[in-house]
C-alpha atoms as a PDB file:
ATOM      1  CA  MET A   1      -1.995 -19.799  10.049  1.00  0.00           C
ATOM      2  CA  LEU A   2      -4.237 -20.354   7.002  1.00  0.00           C
ATOM      3  CA  GLY A   3      -2.169 -20.721   3.862  1.00  0.00           C
ATOM      4  CA  GLN A   4       0.948 -21.901   5.684  1.00  0.00           C
ATOM      5  CA  SER A   5       0.218 -25.454   4.549  1.00  0.00           C
ATOM      6  CA  ILE A   6       0.398 -24.257   0.923  1.00  0.00           C
ATOM      7  CA  LYS A   7       4.109 -23.471   1.101  1.00  0.00           C
ATOM      8  CA  GLY A   8       6.101 -25.723  -1.219  1.00  0.00           C
ATOM      9  CA  LYS A   9       3.024 -27.234  -2.857  1.00  0.00           C
ATOM     10  CA  SER A  10       2.932 -27.745  -6.612  1.00  0.00           C
ATOM     11  CA  VAL A  11      -0.071 -25.880  -8.028  1.00  0.00           C
ATOM     12  CA  ILE A  12      -1.471 -25.814 -11.564  1.00  0.00           C
ATOM     13  CA  VAL A  13      -3.757 -22.929 -12.519  1.00  0.00           C
ATOM     14  CA  THR A  14      -5.411 -23.024 -15.949  1.00  0.00           C
ATOM     15  CA  GLY A  15      -6.400 -19.784 -17.630  1.00  0.00           C
ATOM     16  CA  ALA A  16      -3.850 -18.081 -15.395  1.00  0.00           C
ATOM     17  CA  SER A  17      -2.374 -15.488 -17.769  1.00  0.00           C
ATOM     18  CA  LYS A  18      -4.952 -12.855 -16.873  1.00  0.00           C
ATOM     19  CA  GLY A  19      -8.154 -12.128 -15.027  1.00  0.00           C
ATOM     20  CA  ILE A  20      -9.365 -14.303 -12.180  1.00  0.00           C
ATOM     21  CA  GLY A  21      -6.882 -17.052 -13.031  1.00  0.00           C
ATOM     22  CA  LYS A  22      -3.978 -14.633 -12.630  1.00  0.00           C
ATOM     23  CA  GLY A  23      -5.366 -13.523  -9.278  1.00  0.00           C
ATOM     24  CA  ILE A  24      -5.612 -17.120  -8.100  1.00  0.00           C
ATOM     25  CA  ALA A  25      -2.082 -17.916  -9.273  1.00  0.00           C
ATOM     26  CA  ARG A  26      -0.696 -14.762  -7.621  1.00  0.00           C
ATOM     27  CA  VAL A  27      -2.212 -15.617  -4.234  1.00  0.00           C
ATOM     28  CA  PHE A  28      -0.742 -19.125  -4.334  1.00  0.00           C
ATOM     29  CA  ALA A  29       2.679 -17.770  -5.359  1.00  0.00           C
ATOM     30  CA  GLN A  30       2.551 -15.224  -2.518  1.00  0.00           C
ATOM     31  CA  HIS A  31       1.976 -18.075  -0.066  1.00  0.00           C
ATOM     32  CA  GLY A  32       5.031 -20.018  -1.216  1.00  0.00           C
ATOM     33  CA  ALA A  33       3.497 -22.446  -3.707  1.00  0.00           C
ATOM     34  CA  LYS A  34       5.289 -23.472  -6.885  1.00  0.00           C
ATOM     35  CA  VAL A  35       2.875 -22.386  -9.595  1.00  0.00           C
ATOM     36  CA  LEU A  36       2.502 -23.569 -13.171  1.00  0.00           C
ATOM     37  CA  VAL A  37       0.844 -20.682 -15.006  1.00  0.00           C
ATOM     38  CA  VAL A  38      -1.147 -22.250 -17.851  1.00  0.00           C
ATOM     39  CA  GLY A  39      -2.588 -20.335 -20.795  1.00  0.00           C
ATOM     40  CA  ARG A  40      -3.042 -20.685 -24.525  1.00  0.00           C
ATOM     41  CA  ASP A  41      -0.527 -17.897 -25.209  1.00  0.00           C
ATOM     42  CA  LEU A  42       2.934 -18.986 -24.042  1.00  0.00           C
ATOM     43  CA  LYS A  43       4.345 -15.440 -24.032  1.00  0.00           C
ATOM     44  CA  GLN A  44       1.526 -14.231 -21.779  1.00  0.00           C
ATOM     45  CA  ALA A  45       1.904 -17.219 -19.461  1.00  0.00           C
ATOM     46  CA  GLU A  46       5.660 -16.731 -19.186  1.00  0.00           C
ATOM     47  CA  ALA A  47       5.272 -12.981 -18.628  1.00  0.00           C
ATOM     48  CA  THR A  48       2.808 -13.626 -15.811  1.00  0.00           C
ATOM     49  CA  ALA A  49       5.141 -16.209 -14.244  1.00  0.00           C
ATOM     50  CA  LYS A  50       8.050 -13.768 -14.474  1.00  0.00           C
ATOM     51  CA  GLU A  51       5.967 -11.134 -12.701  1.00  0.00           C
ATOM     52  CA  PHE A  52       5.368 -13.554  -9.814  1.00  0.00           C
ATOM     53  CA  GLU A  53       9.038 -14.504  -9.669  1.00  0.00           C
ATOM     54  CA  GLN A  54      10.105 -10.863  -9.528  1.00  0.00           C
ATOM     55  CA  ALA A  55       7.833 -10.521  -6.507  1.00  0.00           C
ATOM     56  CA  GLY A  56       9.663 -13.387  -4.798  1.00  0.00           C
ATOM     57  CA  GLY A  57       7.495 -16.317  -5.848  1.00  0.00           C
ATOM     58  CA  THR A  58       8.196 -19.529  -7.727  1.00  0.00           C
ATOM     59  CA  ALA A  59       6.382 -19.839 -11.042  1.00  0.00           C
ATOM     60  CA  SER A  60       6.782 -20.843 -14.668  1.00  0.00           C
ATOM     61  CA  GLY A  61       4.653 -20.569 -17.780  1.00  0.00           C
ATOM     62  CA  PHE A  62       3.170 -23.310 -19.923  1.00  0.00           C
ATOM     63  CA  SER A  63       1.062 -23.207 -23.086  1.00  0.00           C
ATOM     64  CA  ALA A  64      -1.902 -25.578 -23.366  1.00  0.00           C
ATOM     65  CA  ASP A  65      -5.438 -25.853 -24.699  1.00  0.00           C
ATOM     66  CA  VAL A  66      -7.817 -27.242 -22.059  1.00  0.00           C
ATOM     67  CA  THR A  67     -10.048 -28.737 -24.764  1.00  0.00           C
ATOM     68  CA  LYS A  68      -7.304 -31.225 -25.720  1.00  0.00           C
ATOM     69  CA  LEU A  69      -6.532 -34.196 -23.472  1.00  0.00           C
ATOM     70  CA  GLY A  70      -2.997 -34.471 -24.871  1.00  0.00           C
ATOM     71  CA  ASP A  71      -2.271 -30.882 -23.842  1.00  0.00           C
ATOM     72  CA  MET A  72      -3.628 -31.496 -20.355  1.00  0.00           C
ATOM     73  CA  GLU A  73      -1.527 -34.625 -19.954  1.00  0.00           C
ATOM     74  CA  LYS A  74       1.572 -32.692 -21.025  1.00  0.00           C
ATOM     75  CA  MET A  75       0.626 -29.956 -18.565  1.00  0.00           C
ATOM     76  CA  ALA A  76       0.446 -32.387 -15.647  1.00  0.00           C
ATOM     77  CA  LYS A  77       3.708 -34.088 -16.634  1.00  0.00           C
ATOM     78  CA  THR A  78       5.432 -30.714 -16.938  1.00  0.00           C
ATOM     79  CA  ALA A  79       4.352 -29.731 -13.430  1.00  0.00           C
ATOM     80  CA  VAL A  80       5.842 -32.999 -12.138  1.00  0.00           C
ATOM     81  CA  GLU A  81       9.063 -32.476 -14.092  1.00  0.00           C
ATOM     82  CA  ARG A  82       9.480 -28.925 -12.770  1.00  0.00           C
ATOM     83  CA  TYR A  83       8.103 -29.235  -9.245  1.00  0.00           C
ATOM     84  CA  GLY A  84       8.114 -32.942  -8.399  1.00  0.00           C
ATOM     85  CA  THR A  85       4.382 -33.521  -8.076  1.00  0.00           C
ATOM     86  CA  VAL A  86       0.903 -32.080  -8.543  1.00  0.00           C
ATOM     87  CA  ASP A  87      -0.758 -31.158  -5.251  1.00  0.00           C
ATOM     88  CA  VAL A  88      -3.391 -28.659  -6.366  1.00  0.00           C
ATOM     89  CA  LEU A  89      -5.296 -28.130  -9.602  1.00  0.00           C
ATOM     90  CA  CYS A  90      -7.229 -24.894 -10.029  1.00  0.00           C
ATOM     91  CA  ALA A  91      -9.470 -25.551 -13.044  1.00  0.00           C
ATOM     92  CA  ASN A  92     -10.153 -21.956 -13.954  1.00  0.00           C
ATOM     93  CA  ALA A  93      -9.953 -21.624 -17.759  1.00  0.00           C
ATOM     94  CA  GLY A  94     -13.148 -20.301 -19.312  1.00  0.00           C
ATOM     95  CA  VAL A  95     -14.646 -18.216 -22.095  1.00  0.00           C
ATOM     96  CA  PHE A  96     -17.836 -16.115 -22.068  1.00  0.00           C
ATOM     97  CA  PRO A  97     -18.710 -14.586 -25.453  1.00  0.00           C
ATOM     98  CA  GLN A  98     -21.955 -12.713 -24.828  1.00  0.00           C
ATOM     99  CA  VAL A  99     -24.627 -13.535 -27.422  1.00  0.00           C
ATOM    100  CA  LYS A 100     -28.359 -14.129 -27.063  1.00  0.00           C
ATOM    101  CA  MET A 101     -29.887 -17.475 -28.073  1.00  0.00           C
ATOM    102  CA  GLU A 102     -31.611 -16.144 -31.181  1.00  0.00           C
ATOM    103  CA  ASP A 103     -28.251 -15.044 -32.576  1.00  0.00           C
ATOM    104  CA  MET A 104     -26.098 -17.848 -31.159  1.00  0.00           C
ATOM    105  CA  SER A 105     -24.607 -20.362 -33.567  1.00  0.00           C
ATOM    106  CA  PRO A 106     -24.198 -24.031 -32.621  1.00  0.00           C
ATOM    107  CA  GLU A 107     -20.473 -23.519 -33.079  1.00  0.00           C
ATOM    108  CA  THR A 108     -20.388 -20.807 -30.400  1.00  0.00           C
ATOM    109  CA  TRP A 109     -22.359 -23.030 -28.018  1.00  0.00           C
ATOM    110  CA  ASP A 110     -19.940 -25.904 -28.651  1.00  0.00           C
ATOM    111  CA  GLU A 111     -16.893 -23.667 -28.139  1.00  0.00           C
ATOM    112  CA  VAL A 112     -18.080 -22.551 -24.704  1.00  0.00           C
ATOM    113  CA  MET A 113     -19.029 -26.097 -23.711  1.00  0.00           C
ATOM    114  CA  ALA A 114     -15.647 -27.425 -24.850  1.00  0.00           C
ATOM    115  CA  THR A 115     -13.602 -24.867 -22.940  1.00  0.00           C
ATOM    116  CA  ASN A 116     -15.602 -24.396 -19.760  1.00  0.00           C
ATOM    117  CA  LEU A 117     -17.084 -27.837 -19.120  1.00  0.00           C
ATOM    118  CA  LYS A 118     -15.093 -30.359 -21.121  1.00  0.00           C
ATOM    119  CA  GLY A 119     -11.938 -28.409 -20.231  1.00  0.00           C
ATOM    120  CA  THR A 120     -12.699 -28.868 -16.541  1.00  0.00           C
ATOM    121  CA  PHE A 121     -13.129 -32.609 -17.036  1.00  0.00           C
ATOM    122  CA  LEU A 122      -9.966 -33.008 -19.112  1.00  0.00           C
ATOM    123  CA  SER A 123      -7.745 -30.989 -16.766  1.00  0.00           C
ATOM    124  CA  VAL A 124      -8.987 -32.995 -13.777  1.00  0.00           C
ATOM    125  CA  LYS A 125      -8.650 -36.320 -15.596  1.00  0.00           C
ATOM    126  CA  ALA A 126      -5.049 -35.569 -16.593  1.00  0.00           C
ATOM    127  CA  CYS A 127      -4.046 -34.619 -13.044  1.00  0.00           C
ATOM    128  CA  ILE A 128      -5.695 -37.510 -11.167  1.00  0.00           C
ATOM    129  CA  PRO A 129      -2.705 -39.915 -11.360  1.00  0.00           C
ATOM    130  CA  TYR A 130      -0.462 -37.299  -9.729  1.00  0.00           C
ATOM    131  CA  LEU A 131      -3.019 -35.936  -7.258  1.00  0.00           C
ATOM    132  CA  LYS A 132      -3.457 -39.511  -5.987  1.00  0.00           C
ATOM    133  CA  LYS A 133       0.221 -39.590  -5.043  1.00  0.00           C
ATOM    134  CA  SER A 134       0.063 -36.240  -3.252  1.00  0.00           C
ATOM    135  CA  GLY A 135      -1.771 -37.516  -0.193  1.00  0.00           C
ATOM    136  CA  GLU A 136      -3.480 -34.129   0.113  1.00  0.00           C
ATOM    137  CA  GLY A 137      -4.710 -33.609  -3.432  1.00  0.00           C
ATOM    138  CA  ARG A 138      -6.934 -30.619  -4.002  1.00  0.00           C
ATOM    139  CA  ILE A 139      -9.094 -29.613  -6.973  1.00  0.00           C
ATOM    140  CA  VAL A 140     -10.657 -26.144  -7.016  1.00  0.00           C
ATOM    141  CA  ILE A 141     -13.063 -25.284  -9.830  1.00  0.00           C
ATOM    142  CA  THR A 142     -13.881 -21.710 -10.836  1.00  0.00           C
ATOM    143  CA  SER A 143     -17.621 -21.718 -11.469  1.00  0.00           C
ATOM    144  CA  SER A 144     -19.787 -18.562 -11.268  1.00  0.00           C
ATOM    145  CA  ILE A 145     -22.966 -17.207  -9.728  1.00  0.00           C
ATOM    146  CA  THR A 146     -24.236 -17.034 -13.327  1.00  0.00           C
ATOM    147  CA  GLY A 147     -25.884 -20.372 -14.037  1.00  0.00           C
ATOM    148  CA  PRO A 148     -25.896 -22.024 -10.609  1.00  0.00           C
ATOM    149  CA  VAL A 149     -27.673 -19.089  -8.912  1.00  0.00           C
ATOM    150  CA  THR A 150     -28.468 -16.239 -11.313  1.00  0.00           C
ATOM    151  CA  GLY A 151     -29.017 -15.609 -15.012  1.00  0.00           C
ATOM    152  CA  PHE A 152     -27.917 -12.896 -17.419  1.00  0.00           C
ATOM    153  CA  PRO A 153     -29.069 -12.265 -21.005  1.00  0.00           C
ATOM    154  CA  GLY A 154     -26.520 -13.482 -23.534  1.00  0.00           C
ATOM    155  CA  TRP A 155     -25.018 -16.131 -21.294  1.00  0.00           C
ATOM    156  CA  THR A 156     -27.231 -19.200 -21.682  1.00  0.00           C
ATOM    157  CA  HIS A 157     -24.213 -21.199 -22.875  1.00  0.00           C
ATOM    158  CA  TYR A 158     -21.928 -19.830 -20.154  1.00  0.00           C
ATOM    159  CA  GLY A 159     -24.516 -20.350 -17.413  1.00  0.00           C
ATOM    160  CA  ALA A 160     -25.122 -23.921 -18.556  1.00  0.00           C
ATOM    161  CA  THR A 161     -21.408 -24.735 -18.283  1.00  0.00           C
ATOM    162  CA  LYS A 162     -21.062 -23.126 -14.865  1.00  0.00           C
ATOM    163  CA  ALA A 163     -24.030 -25.067 -13.499  1.00  0.00           C
ATOM    164  CA  GLY A 164     -22.646 -28.172 -15.205  1.00  0.00           C
ATOM    165  CA  GLN A 165     -19.330 -27.773 -13.400  1.00  0.00           C
ATOM    166  CA  LEU A 166     -21.130 -28.127 -10.071  1.00  0.00           C
ATOM    167  CA  GLY A 167     -22.876 -31.285 -11.224  1.00  0.00           C
ATOM    168  CA  PHE A 168     -19.497 -32.642 -12.277  1.00  0.00           C
ATOM    169  CA  MET A 169     -17.975 -31.644  -8.926  1.00  0.00           C
ATOM    170  CA  ARG A 170     -20.560 -33.439  -6.800  1.00  0.00           C
ATOM    171  CA  THR A 171     -19.846 -36.815  -8.333  1.00  0.00           C
ATOM    172  CA  ALA A 172     -16.126 -36.258  -8.952  1.00  0.00           C
ATOM    173  CA  CYS A 173     -15.578 -35.599  -5.241  1.00  0.00           C
ATOM    174  CA  MET A 174     -17.181 -38.955  -4.425  1.00  0.00           C
ATOM    175  CA  GLU A 175     -15.066 -40.845  -6.947  1.00  0.00           C
ATOM    176  CA  LEU A 176     -11.842 -39.239  -5.720  1.00  0.00           C
ATOM    177  CA  ALA A 177     -12.517 -39.251  -1.976  1.00  0.00           C
ATOM    178  CA  LYS A 178     -10.859 -42.659  -1.519  1.00  0.00           C
ATOM    179  CA  TYR A 179      -7.585 -41.075  -2.600  1.00  0.00           C
ATOM    180  CA  GLY A 180      -7.869 -38.208  -0.120  1.00  0.00           C
ATOM    181  CA  ILE A 181      -8.556 -35.761  -2.968  1.00  0.00           C
ATOM    182  CA  THR A 182     -11.105 -33.000  -2.330  1.00  0.00           C
ATOM    183  CA  VAL A 183     -13.070 -31.200  -5.056  1.00  0.00           C
ATOM    184  CA  ASN A 184     -14.696 -27.832  -4.370  1.00  0.00           C
ATOM    185  CA  ALA A 185     -15.767 -24.753  -6.305  1.00  0.00           C
ATOM    186  CA  VAL A 186     -15.598 -20.973  -6.006  1.00  0.00           C
ATOM    187  CA  LEU A 187     -18.499 -18.973  -7.489  1.00  0.00           C
ATOM    188  CA  PRO A 188     -17.392 -15.418  -8.330  1.00  0.00           C
ATOM    189  CA  GLY A 189     -19.786 -12.523  -8.723  1.00  0.00           C
ATOM    190  CA  ASN A 190     -18.731  -9.278 -10.418  1.00  0.00           C
ATOM    191  CA  ILE A 191     -14.954  -9.215 -10.290  1.00  0.00           C
ATOM    192  CA  LYS A 192     -12.769  -6.422 -11.630  1.00  0.00           C
ATOM    193  CA  THR A 193     -10.874  -7.984 -14.536  1.00  0.00           C
ATOM    194  CA  GLU A 194      -9.248  -6.582 -17.668  1.00  0.00           C
ATOM    195  CA  GLY A 195     -12.406  -7.245 -19.665  1.00  0.00           C
ATOM    196  CA  LEU A 196     -14.603  -5.392 -17.191  1.00  0.00           C
ATOM    197  CA  ILE A 197     -12.218  -2.448 -16.984  1.00  0.00           C
ATOM    198  CA  GLU A 198     -12.344  -2.108 -20.780  1.00  0.00           C
ATOM    199  CA  LEU A 199     -16.104  -1.482 -20.539  1.00  0.00           C
ATOM    200  CA  GLY A 200     -15.414   1.813 -18.761  1.00  0.00           C
ATOM    201  CA  ASP A 201     -15.937   3.459 -15.375  1.00  0.00           C
ATOM    202  CA  GLY A 202     -19.645   4.063 -15.984  1.00  0.00           C
ATOM    203  CA  TYR A 203     -20.309   0.371 -16.528  1.00  0.00           C
ATOM    204  CA  MET A 204     -18.270  -0.633 -13.492  1.00  0.00           C
ATOM    205  CA  LYS A 205     -20.024   1.887 -11.258  1.00  0.00           C
ATOM    206  CA  GLY A 206     -23.377   0.545 -12.402  1.00  0.00           C
ATOM    207  CA  MET A 207     -22.337  -3.014 -11.613  1.00  0.00           C
ATOM    208  CA  ALA A 208     -20.934  -1.988  -8.234  1.00  0.00           C
ATOM    209  CA  ALA A 209     -24.229  -0.292  -7.364  1.00  0.00           C
ATOM    210  CA  ALA A 210     -25.931  -3.706  -7.433  1.00  0.00           C
ATOM    211  CA  VAL A 211     -23.559  -5.079  -4.779  1.00  0.00           C
ATOM    212  CA  PRO A 212     -24.448  -4.523  -1.089  1.00  0.00           C
ATOM    213  CA  LEU A 213     -20.775  -3.997  -0.215  1.00  0.00           C
ATOM    214  CA  GLY A 214     -20.779  -1.222  -2.832  1.00  0.00           C
ATOM    215  CA  LYS A 215     -17.797  -2.332  -4.852  1.00  0.00           C
ATOM    216  CA  LEU A 216     -16.595  -4.898  -7.355  1.00  0.00           C
ATOM    217  CA  GLY A 217     -14.478  -7.792  -6.180  1.00  0.00           C
ATOM    218  CA  GLU A 218     -10.769  -8.088  -6.863  1.00  0.00           C
ATOM    219  CA  VAL A 219      -9.279 -11.137  -8.563  1.00  0.00           C
ATOM    220  CA  GLU A 220      -7.353 -11.868  -5.372  1.00  0.00           C
ATOM    221  CA  ASP A 221     -10.676 -12.278  -3.533  1.00  0.00           C
ATOM    222  CA  ILE A 222     -11.259 -15.405  -5.608  1.00  0.00           C
ATOM    223  CA  GLY A 223      -7.644 -16.431  -5.030  1.00  0.00           C
ATOM    224  CA  HIS A 224      -8.077 -16.346  -1.260  1.00  0.00           C
ATOM    225  CA  ALA A 225     -11.181 -18.549  -1.460  1.00  0.00           C
ATOM    226  CA  ALA A 226      -9.296 -21.021  -3.666  1.00  0.00           C
ATOM    227  CA  LEU A 227      -6.380 -20.935  -1.238  1.00  0.00           C
ATOM    228  CA  PHE A 228      -8.699 -21.913   1.618  1.00  0.00           C
ATOM    229  CA  PHE A 229     -10.104 -24.908  -0.302  1.00  0.00           C
ATOM    230  CA  ALA A 230      -6.544 -25.989  -1.141  1.00  0.00           C
ATOM    231  CA  SER A 231      -5.274 -25.719   2.422  1.00  0.00           C
ATOM    232  CA  ARG A 232      -4.744 -28.506   4.931  1.00  0.00           C
ATOM    233  CA  GLU A 233      -7.266 -26.747   7.157  1.00  0.00           C
ATOM    234  CA  ALA A 234      -9.999 -27.440   4.555  1.00  0.00           C
ATOM    235  CA  GLY A 235      -9.113 -31.114   4.265  1.00  0.00           C
ATOM    236  CA  TYR A 236     -12.509 -32.307   5.538  1.00  0.00           C
ATOM    237  CA  ILE A 237     -14.461 -30.142   3.073  1.00  0.00           C
ATOM    238  CA  THR A 238     -15.391 -31.602  -0.307  1.00  0.00           C
ATOM    239  CA  GLY A 239     -18.177 -31.147  -2.832  1.00  0.00           C
ATOM    240  CA  GLN A 240     -18.891 -27.638  -1.537  1.00  0.00           C
ATOM    241  CA  THR A 241     -19.113 -24.132  -2.967  1.00  0.00           C
ATOM    242  CA  ILE A 242     -18.233 -20.636  -1.779  1.00  0.00           C
ATOM    243  CA  ILE A 243     -19.980 -17.637  -3.329  1.00  0.00           C
ATOM    244  CA  VAL A 244     -17.671 -14.611  -3.485  1.00  0.00           C
ATOM    245  CA  ASP A 245     -19.862 -11.728  -4.649  1.00  0.00           C
ATOM    246  CA  GLY A 246     -20.030  -9.015  -1.980  1.00  0.00           C
ATOM    247  CA  GLY A 247     -23.621 -10.047  -1.260  1.00  0.00           C
ATOM    248  CA  GLN A 248     -24.786  -9.439  -4.845  1.00  0.00           C
ATOM    249  CA  ILE A 249     -27.298 -12.314  -4.963  1.00  0.00           C
ATOM    250  CA  LEU A 250     -29.030 -11.349  -1.681  1.00  0.00           C
ATOM    251  CA  PRO A 251     -31.275  -8.304  -2.387  1.00  0.00           C
ATOM    252  CA  GLU A 252     -34.846  -9.119  -3.457  1.00  0.00           C
ATOM    253  CA  SER A 253     -34.916  -6.010  -5.640  1.00  0.00           C
ATOM    254  CA  GLN A 254     -33.201  -2.707  -6.365  1.00  0.00           C
ATOM    255  CA  ASP A 255     -35.528  -1.200  -3.777  1.00  0.00           C
ATOM    256  CA  ALA A 256     -33.973  -3.439  -1.144  1.00  0.00           C
ATOM    257  CA  LEU A 257     -30.607  -1.828  -1.855  1.00  0.00           C
ATOM    258  CA  SER A 258     -32.072   1.639  -1.498  1.00  0.00           C
ATOM    259  CA  GLN A 259     -33.286   0.769   2.010  1.00  0.00           C
ATOM    260  CA  MET A 260     -29.756   0.080   3.264  1.00  0.00           C
END
C-alpha cells in the first residue's frame, strides 16, 4: 500500500506552519511519519505540530529561517536529536509578494530569491549528511506551474525562482544519486490556502472556472504527491516533476473550456 513505507520515517517540512506546507506535513503525519514542522514563527510551528499530535500523529515545531545556513544546520540536527535521522526533506518554504517589474525594488527581488531559491539550496545542503545515512533519502521540492510552465503578472521574481528550483533539481539529483538519494518536485496550480481564501469567494470562483476539473486544489493534494515521491515505491524516480493543477495548464483558451 502506497504510503506504508513512510511509517516511522523522519520528515522535515519547511514552511509548514500554514498553506501548502501544512498540507504536506499533515499527510506525512497521517501516514505515520515523525514530522518536524519548520517555520519562522515558533508559536505557529508548535501549534501546527500540536494539531497533528492531537489527531494521532507524531510532530514537533521548530523555528528557522531558510535563508540562513546556520538555521538549516540546526534544523537538521534537531530532527536527528528528536527522531534519530533525516529520511525526507520537503523543501517547501516560499514567499510570493505580487508586484510588477516597473514597481519592483531590487530588495524585493533579492528577498524572493533568497527565500525560494537560496532557501532550497541551503535546506538541502544542511540535510545531505543525514540523508546519506538514511539509505532511502528523499528530497521533494515545492515548485509551481508559475515559472516552469506558465506566467502571471506581478510574479517575475517568483516565477524565476520556481523555474530555478527545477534547474537546481536536475543537477542535484545527479550529484546525490550515488548515495541513493532522490530529488523530485511537485508543481502546484491554484490551491486553496489561507491567502487565497482571504481574497474572497468571488476571486476563488473565478480561479476555479479556469480549471477543467472545476475546482481549486486542496493543500493535501500536494501532500499526496509529495508522499508518493518520498515513498519506497518511487525509489527509481529522480529528477522528475508532477503537475498538480486539475488540468489548469491544458486548455488552449477560455473558449476551450466552454466547449467541455
